Amino acid sequence: MDSLEFDRLNLLSEKALRDTATSTELAEFNQLLTIWDTASEVNLFNGKYSPED
């Protein structure tokens, strides 16, 4: 996840918490959150874990 995606994730999370996010923004938030989650798992297990396993 690059810094632009991270910044967008933060913006969308604030909009979601305030109930001002559109359905398109919520879908984008979900995609970015999945990217963030996958990156965290890979970092946690030093690349020895694959979410598909």
Protein backbone atom coordinates (compact mmCIF):
# COMPACT_ATOMS: atom_id res chain seq x y z
CA MET A 1 0.00 0.00 0.00
CA ASP A 2 1.47 3.33 -1.01
CA SER A 3 1.00 6.65 0.78
CA LEU A 4 -1.79 7.83 -1.56
CA GLU A 5 -3.80 4.67 -0.91
CA PHE A 6 -3.18 5.04 2.83
CA ASP A 7 -4.35 8.66 2.79
CA ARG A 8 -7.45 7.69 0.81
CA LEU A 9 -8.17 4.88 3.29
CA ASN A 10 -8.01 7.38 6.16
CA LEU A 11 -10.32 9.82 4.38
CA LEU A 12 -12.85 7.12 3.55
CA SER A 13 -12.77 5.73 7.09
CA GLU A 14 -13.67 9.17 8.45
CA LYS A 15 -16.52 9.48 5.95
CA ALA A 16 -17.77 6.00 6.88
CA LEU A 17 -17.73 6.84 10.58
CA ARG A 18 -19.70 10.03 9.92
CA ASP A 19 -22.20 8.19 7.68
CA THR A 20 -21.39 10.51 4.78
CA ALA A 21 -19.75 7.95 2.49
CA THR A 22 -21.52 6.90 -0.69
CA SER A 23 -21.95 3.25 -1.62
CA THR A 24 -19.13 3.64 -4.16
CA GLU A 25 -16.85 5.08 -1.50
CA LEU A 26 -17.73 2.24 0.88
CA ALA A 27 -16.83 -0.30 -1.82
CA GLU A 28 -13.50 1.49 -2.37
CA PHE A 29 -12.93 1.56 1.40
CA ASN A 30 -13.49 -2.19 1.53
CA GLN A 31 -10.97 -2.76 -1.28
CA LEU A 32 -8.35 -0.57 0.40
CA LEU A 33 -8.97 -2.24 3.74
CA THR A 34 -8.39 -5.64 2.11
CA ILE A 35 -5.09 -4.38 0.66
CA TRP A 36 -4.08 -3.05 4.08
CA ASP A 37 -5.01 -6.31 5.79
CA THR A 38 -3.08 -8.40 3.27
CA ALA A 39 0.00 -6.19 3.60
CA SER A 40 -0.15 -6.49 7.41
CA GLU A 41 -0.35 -10.30 7.25
CA VAL A 42 2.60 -10.50 4.86
CA ASN A 43 4.65 -8.19 7.06
CA LEU A 44 3.70 -10.11 10.19
CA PHE A 45 4.83 -13.44 8.77
CA ASN A 46 7.77 -12.06 6.73
CA GLY A 47 6.20 -13.19 3.47
CA LYS A 48 5.85 -16.81 4.62
CA TYR A 49 2.08 -16.63 4.78
CA SER A 50 -0.25 -16.50 1.82
CA PRO A 51 -3.89 -15.49 2.42
CA GLU A 52 -4.92 -18.08 -0.19
CA ASP A 53 -3.53 -20.95 1.94
